[in-house]
Amino acid sequence: MADVTGTTGTLVLAGTPIGDVADAPPRLAAELERADVVAAEDTRRLRRLTQALGVHTTGRVVSYFEGNESARTPELVEALTGGARVLLVTDAGMPSVSDPGYRLVAAAVEQDIRVTAVPGPSAVLTALALSGLPVDRFCFEGFLPRKAGERLSKLRENAGERRTMVFFEAPHRLDDTLAAMAEVFGADRRAAVCRELTKTYEEVKRGPLGELAVWAEDGVRGEITVVVQGAAETGPQELDAEELVRRVRVREEAGERRKEAIAAVAADAGLPKREVFDAVVAAKNAEKTAGKKEQAVGKTEKTE
């Protein structure tokens, strides 16, 4: 079936409820009935959704999830170039946002196929709005790495991020993640853990990262979104040499070369690069001096 706008079809990205089915956008039901192909992250969840909405899909239903996304994308693009209207839905929220969809959108754009959306619920924006943290500027970081070392490295990359940050996390890793955030961002940094948004047991726990990490030790269930306040706006007069050195080391541990780390810290602090460089050199020399003193004391103790 050819789309009315031309010879090729249309890809429709549809938002689905993140909890309460009553939040489904009105257009979702119409698109489910109209689509020639419905690509769903989980066909069983799609079936439950259509039953709840009281609609019947007349088009072909196919699975489209992380495991088959690469293989199935060409098939869906072929349907689109043939004039089909393809509706993409994920388990909850908007496709492509930490869910399947990006590859298909990119492939459709490459083929000059029309892509549109049915706006719907978003855990990112819902958590951000409920957090009580600044919302004028924010960034979405998705899921952090599962391995502890990689997770710390990723968090250290964001140590100087001034925008409010939004993360997704699995409930069984929440305590470790909050502890790592407290270590990197500081135990006093404000945050909010949003659990089971729009569902029966919705809960928003707000407080300093250190306190939230202790709270999560007893175990937390459900879908989790974490919102963390960005780094404080600081002027040159507020940053002493010790803090400048600490920021350079955080960036170095995240994989940056020292020269690049010094330049980035200087830019963030509004200081000349030379000033940050001198602080790093002074700290290094102080460490060497302290090391020599310890060696000297050790030798003296041995001779006695």
Protein backbone atom coordinates (compact mmCIF):
# COMPACT_ATOMS: atom_id res chain seq x y z
CA MET A 1 0.00 0.00 0.00
CA ALA A 2 1.63 3.25 -1.10
CA ASP A 3 1.71 6.25 1.21
CA VAL A 4 -0.32 9.26 0.07
CA THR A 5 2.76 11.49 0.18
CA GLY A 6 4.57 9.59 -2.58
CA THR A 7 5.75 6.26 -3.87
CA THR A 8 7.58 5.28 -0.69
CA GLY A 9 5.99 4.54 2.65
CA THR A 10 6.29 6.17 6.04
CA LEU A 11 8.09 5.10 9.20
CA VAL A 12 6.13 6.03 12.33
CA LEU A 13 7.85 6.01 15.73
CA ALA A 14 5.17 5.67 18.39
CA GLY A 15 5.50 6.34 22.09
CA THR A 16 3.90 3.75 24.36
CA PRO A 17 2.90 4.01 28.05
CA ILE A 18 5.72 3.67 30.58
CA GLY A 19 3.27 2.37 33.16
CA ASP A 20 -0.35 3.50 33.11
CA VAL A 21 -1.99 2.41 29.85
CA ALA A 22 -4.31 5.43 30.12
CA ASP A 23 -1.28 7.57 29.19
CA ALA A 24 -1.26 6.13 25.65
CA PRO A 25 -1.45 8.97 23.11
CA PRO A 26 -4.80 9.05 21.29
CA ARG A 27 -3.14 8.61 17.90
CA LEU A 28 -1.48 5.36 18.96
CA ALA A 29 -4.68 3.32 18.58
CA ALA A 30 -5.32 4.73 15.11
CA GLU A 31 -1.76 4.03 13.98
CA LEU A 32 -1.88 0.46 15.30
CA GLU A 33 -5.00 -0.21 13.20
CA ARG A 34 -3.70 1.63 10.14
CA ALA A 35 -0.13 0.27 9.88
CA ASP A 36 0.82 -2.22 7.17
CA VAL A 37 3.63 -3.49 9.38
CA VAL A 38 3.99 -3.19 13.15
CA ALA A 39 7.54 -3.73 14.40
CA ALA A 40 7.44 -4.40 18.13
CA GLU A 41 10.22 -4.89 20.66
CA ASP A 42 8.11 -7.59 22.32
CA THR A 43 5.12 -8.96 20.39
CA ARG A 44 3.57 -10.33 23.59
CA ARG A 45 3.59 -6.90 25.21
CA LEU A 46 2.17 -5.47 22.01
CA ARG A 47 -0.70 -7.95 22.22
CA ARG A 48 -1.45 -6.90 25.81
CA LEU A 49 -1.32 -3.22 24.79
CA THR A 50 -3.75 -3.64 21.89
CA GLN A 51 -6.12 -5.57 24.13
CA ALA A 52 -6.00 -2.83 26.74
CA LEU A 53 -6.65 -0.18 24.09
CA GLY A 54 -9.39 -2.22 22.48
CA VAL A 55 -7.82 -2.13 19.01
CA HIS A 56 -7.01 -4.77 16.43
CA THR A 57 -3.91 -4.71 14.23
CA THR A 58 -4.66 -5.60 10.62
CA GLY A 59 -1.06 -5.32 9.40
CA ARG A 60 1.77 -7.82 9.70
CA VAL A 61 3.39 -7.93 13.16
CA VAL A 62 7.13 -8.61 13.43
CA SER A 63 9.57 -8.56 16.32
CA TYR A 64 12.23 -5.86 16.37
CA PHE A 65 14.56 -6.02 19.36
CA GLU A 66 18.25 -5.68 20.17
CA GLY A 67 19.03 -9.23 19.11
CA ASN A 68 17.59 -8.98 15.59
CA GLU A 69 17.69 -5.23 14.98
CA SER A 70 20.59 -5.34 12.53
CA ALA A 71 19.20 -8.30 10.56
CA ARG A 72 15.60 -7.06 10.41
CA THR A 73 16.30 -3.43 9.48
CA PRO A 74 16.89 -4.17 5.75
CA GLU A 75 13.60 -6.10 5.62
CA LEU A 76 11.69 -3.15 7.07
CA VAL A 77 13.42 -0.67 4.78
CA GLU A 78 12.42 -2.84 1.83
CA ALA A 79 8.80 -2.68 3.01
CA LEU A 80 9.06 1.08 3.35
CA THR A 81 10.52 1.57 -0.12
CA GLY A 82 7.64 -0.55 -1.41
CA GLY A 83 5.12 1.89 0.02
CA ALA A 84 4.29 0.35 3.40
CA ARG A 85 3.42 2.30 6.52
CA VAL A 86 5.64 0.82 9.24
CA LEU A 87 4.85 1.49 12.88
CA LEU A 88 7.67 1.00 15.39
CA VAL A 89 6.81 0.50 19.06
CA THR A 90 9.01 -0.53 21.99
CA ASP A 91 8.09 -1.95 25.39
CA ALA A 92 7.71 1.50 26.96
CA GLY A 93 8.42 5.09 26.00
CA MET A 94 9.83 6.38 22.73
CA PRO A 95 11.71 4.16 20.27
CA SER A 96 15.44 4.92 19.89
CA VAL A 97 15.77 6.28 23.46
CA SER A 98 17.78 3.41 25.00
CA ASP A 99 15.53 1.15 22.91
CA PRO A 100 15.62 -0.26 19.36
CA GLY A 101 14.96 2.23 16.58
CA TYR A 102 18.09 4.21 15.77
CA ARG A 103 19.30 1.83 13.06
CA LEU A 104 15.94 1.82 11.32
CA VAL A 105 15.59 5.59 11.45
CA ALA A 106 19.11 6.07 10.10
CA ALA A 107 18.47 3.57 7.29
CA ALA A 108 15.15 5.20 6.40
CA VAL A 109 16.71 8.67 6.31
CA GLU A 110 19.48 7.31 4.07
CA GLN A 111 16.80 6.12 1.62
CA ASP A 112 14.96 9.47 1.81
CA ILE A 113 11.95 7.78 3.43
CA ARG A 114 9.59 9.94 5.46
CA VAL A 115 9.94 9.47 9.22
CA THR A 116 7.38 10.86 11.67
CA ALA A 117 6.39 10.24 15.27
CA VAL A 118 3.45 9.83 17.60
CA PRO A 119 4.75 11.64 20.72
CA GLY A 120 4.17 9.77 23.93
CA PRO A 121 5.31 9.14 27.50
CA SER A 122 9.00 9.38 28.30
CA ALA A 123 10.66 8.14 31.48
CA VAL A 124 13.48 10.63 30.90
CA LEU A 125 11.28 13.73 30.87
CA THR A 126 8.89 12.43 33.53
CA ALA A 127 11.72 11.73 35.98
CA LEU A 128 13.38 15.04 35.19
CA ALA A 129 10.18 16.96 35.87
CA LEU A 130 9.54 15.10 39.16
CA SER A 131 13.12 15.29 40.44
CA GLY A 132 12.96 18.82 41.76
CA LEU A 133 16.36 19.48 40.16
CA PRO A 134 17.16 22.17 37.56
CA VAL A 135 15.56 21.37 34.20
CA ASP A 136 16.70 24.29 32.06
CA ARG A 137 19.65 22.25 30.76
CA PHE A 138 20.02 18.48 30.96
CA CYS A 139 21.64 15.49 29.27
CA PHE A 140 20.58 11.85 28.97
CA GLU A 141 23.30 9.26 29.66
CA GLY A 142 21.25 6.05 29.33
CA PHE A 143 22.54 2.93 31.09
CA LEU A 144 26.00 2.98 32.66
CA PRO A 145 28.44 0.10 31.99
CA ARG A 146 27.84 -3.00 34.10
CA LYS A 147 31.48 -3.53 35.12
CA ALA A 148 32.58 -1.48 38.13
CA GLY A 149 35.78 -0.12 36.56
CA GLU A 150 34.09 0.92 33.33
CA ARG A 151 31.23 2.47 35.28
CA LEU A 152 33.64 4.59 37.33
CA SER A 153 35.47 5.71 34.18
CA LYS A 154 32.22 6.76 32.55
CA LEU A 155 31.14 8.70 35.61
CA ARG A 156 34.53 10.41 35.81
CA GLU A 157 34.03 11.64 32.26
CA ASN A 158 30.97 13.47 33.57
CA ALA A 159 32.60 14.79 36.74
CA GLY A 160 32.53 18.36 35.46
CA GLU A 161 29.15 18.15 33.70
CA ARG A 162 27.09 21.18 34.72
CA ARG A 163 23.81 20.05 33.21
CA THR A 164 21.38 17.87 35.16
CA MET A 165 22.07 14.23 34.20
CA VAL A 166 19.51 11.48 33.66
CA PHE A 167 20.44 7.78 33.83
CA PHE A 168 18.60 4.48 33.49
CA GLU A 169 19.62 1.66 35.83
CA ALA A 170 18.65 -1.90 36.66
CA PRO A 171 17.31 -2.31 40.22
CA HIS A 172 19.91 -4.91 41.23
CA ARG A 173 22.76 -2.54 40.30
CA LEU A 174 21.26 0.63 41.79
CA ASP A 175 23.13 0.50 45.13
CA ASP A 176 26.52 0.07 43.43
CA THR A 177 25.74 2.81 40.91
CA LEU A 178 24.67 5.31 43.56
CA ALA A 179 27.78 4.50 45.63
CA ALA A 180 29.97 5.08 42.56
CA MET A 181 28.17 8.37 41.85
CA ALA A 182 28.72 9.49 45.44
CA GLU A 183 32.41 8.66 45.07
CA VAL A 184 32.87 10.58 41.82
CA PHE A 185 30.35 13.43 42.12
CA GLY A 186 30.48 13.81 45.89
CA ALA A 187 28.24 12.36 48.60
CA ASP A 188 26.46 15.71 49.01
CA ARG A 189 25.43 16.04 45.33
CA ARG A 190 21.63 16.19 45.08
CA ALA A 191 19.83 13.46 43.15
CA ALA A 192 16.50 11.70 42.75
CA VAL A 193 15.73 8.03 42.23
CA CYS A 194 12.45 7.63 40.33
CA ARG A 195 10.91 4.17 40.59
CA GLU A 196 7.92 2.64 38.80
CA LEU A 197 6.88 5.93 37.19
CA THR A 198 3.11 6.24 36.56
CA LYS A 199 2.55 2.76 38.03
CA THR A 200 0.74 1.75 41.23
CA TYR A 201 3.88 1.81 43.39
CA GLU A 202 5.44 4.95 41.95
CA GLU A 203 8.08 6.43 44.24
CA VAL A 204 10.49 9.35 43.95
CA LYS A 205 13.28 9.32 46.53
CA ARG A 206 15.19 12.61 46.70
CA GLY A 207 18.34 13.46 48.64
CA PRO A 208 22.16 13.57 48.60
CA LEU A 209 23.84 10.74 46.69
CA GLY A 210 25.48 9.42 49.85
CA GLU A 211 22.13 9.02 51.60
CA LEU A 212 20.48 7.51 48.53
CA ALA A 213 23.29 4.96 48.24
CA VAL A 214 22.67 3.81 51.83
CA TRP A 215 18.90 3.69 51.21
CA ALA A 216 19.38 1.48 48.14
CA GLU A 217 21.47 -1.09 50.03
CA ASP A 218 18.29 -2.80 51.27
CA GLY A 219 17.24 -3.45 47.67
CA VAL A 220 14.96 -1.57 45.29
CA ARG A 221 12.51 -3.05 42.81
CA GLY A 222 11.00 -1.87 39.55
CA GLU A 223 12.00 0.31 36.61
CA ILE A 224 14.57 2.89 37.75
CA THR A 225 15.50 6.33 36.45
CA VAL A 226 18.16 8.35 38.30
CA VAL A 227 18.42 12.13 38.01
CA VAL A 228 21.60 13.82 39.27
CA GLN A 229 22.27 17.52 39.69
CA GLY A 230 25.08 18.89 37.54
CA ALA A 231 28.36 20.22 38.88
CA ALA A 232 28.14 23.60 40.56
CA GLU A 233 29.00 26.69 38.57
CA THR A 234 32.35 27.78 39.94
CA GLY A 235 34.51 30.79 39.32
CA PRO A 236 38.33 30.97 39.34
CA GLN A 237 38.38 32.33 42.88
CA GLU A 238 36.52 29.25 44.17
CA LEU A 239 39.00 26.67 42.87
CA ASP A 240 42.19 26.19 44.81
CA ALA A 241 45.25 24.37 43.48
CA GLU A 242 44.23 21.10 45.15
CA GLU A 243 40.86 21.09 43.37
CA LEU A 244 42.44 21.91 40.02
CA VAL A 245 44.84 18.98 40.40
CA ARG A 246 41.98 16.68 41.43
CA ARG A 247 40.00 17.57 38.30
CA VAL A 248 43.00 16.96 36.06
CA ARG A 249 43.55 13.53 37.65
CA VAL A 250 39.90 12.58 37.22
CA ARG A 251 40.17 13.31 33.51
CA GLU A 252 43.47 11.44 33.23
CA GLU A 253 41.95 8.39 34.91
CA ALA A 254 39.14 8.56 32.36
CA GLY A 255 41.73 8.23 29.58
CA GLU A 256 42.62 11.81 28.62
CA ARG A 257 46.22 12.85 28.06
CA ARG A 258 47.56 15.22 30.68
CA LYS A 259 47.89 18.11 28.24
CA GLU A 260 44.27 17.72 27.13
CA ALA A 261 43.07 17.33 30.71
CA ILE A 262 44.84 20.52 31.80
CA ALA A 263 43.37 22.45 28.86
CA ALA A 264 39.85 21.20 29.62
CA VAL A 265 40.07 22.00 33.34
CA ALA A 266 41.43 25.45 32.59
CA ALA A 267 38.60 26.12 30.15
CA ASP A 268 35.95 24.95 32.64
CA ALA A 269 37.44 27.07 35.42
CA GLY A 270 38.03 30.14 33.26
CA LEU A 271 41.74 30.11 34.08
CA PRO A 272 44.92 30.29 31.99
CA LYS A 273 46.28 26.84 31.13
CA ARG A 274 49.62 27.85 32.67
CA GLU A 275 48.00 28.26 36.09
CA VAL A 276 46.55 24.74 36.03
CA PHE A 277 49.81 23.34 34.65
CA ASP A 278 51.80 24.96 37.48
CA ALA A 279 49.39 23.48 40.06
CA VAL A 280 49.86 20.00 38.60
CA VAL A 281 53.66 20.33 38.54
CA ALA A 282 53.72 21.66 42.10
CA ALA A 283 51.60 18.73 43.31
CA LYS A 284 53.88 16.27 41.52
CA ASN A 285 56.99 17.83 43.06
CA ALA A 286 55.36 17.79 46.50
CA GLU A 287 54.62 14.07 46.11
CA LYS A 288 58.24 13.40 45.10
CA THR A 289 59.54 15.33 48.10
CA ALA A 290 57.19 13.47 50.44
CA GLY A 291 58.32 10.18 48.93
CA LYS A 292 61.99 10.98 49.47
CA LYS A 293 61.32 11.92 53.09
CA GLU A 294 59.55 8.62 53.68
CA GLN A 295 62.50 6.74 52.16
CA ALA A 296 64.94 8.67 54.34
CA VAL A 297 62.92 7.90 57.46
CA GLY A 298 62.80 4.25 56.47
CA LYS A 299 66.58 4.07 56.04
CA THR A 300 67.12 5.76 59.41
CA GLU A 301 64.84 3.29 61.16
CA LYS A 302 66.70 0.36 59.59
CA THR A 303 70.12 1.64 60.75
CA GLU A 304 68.82 2.10 64.27
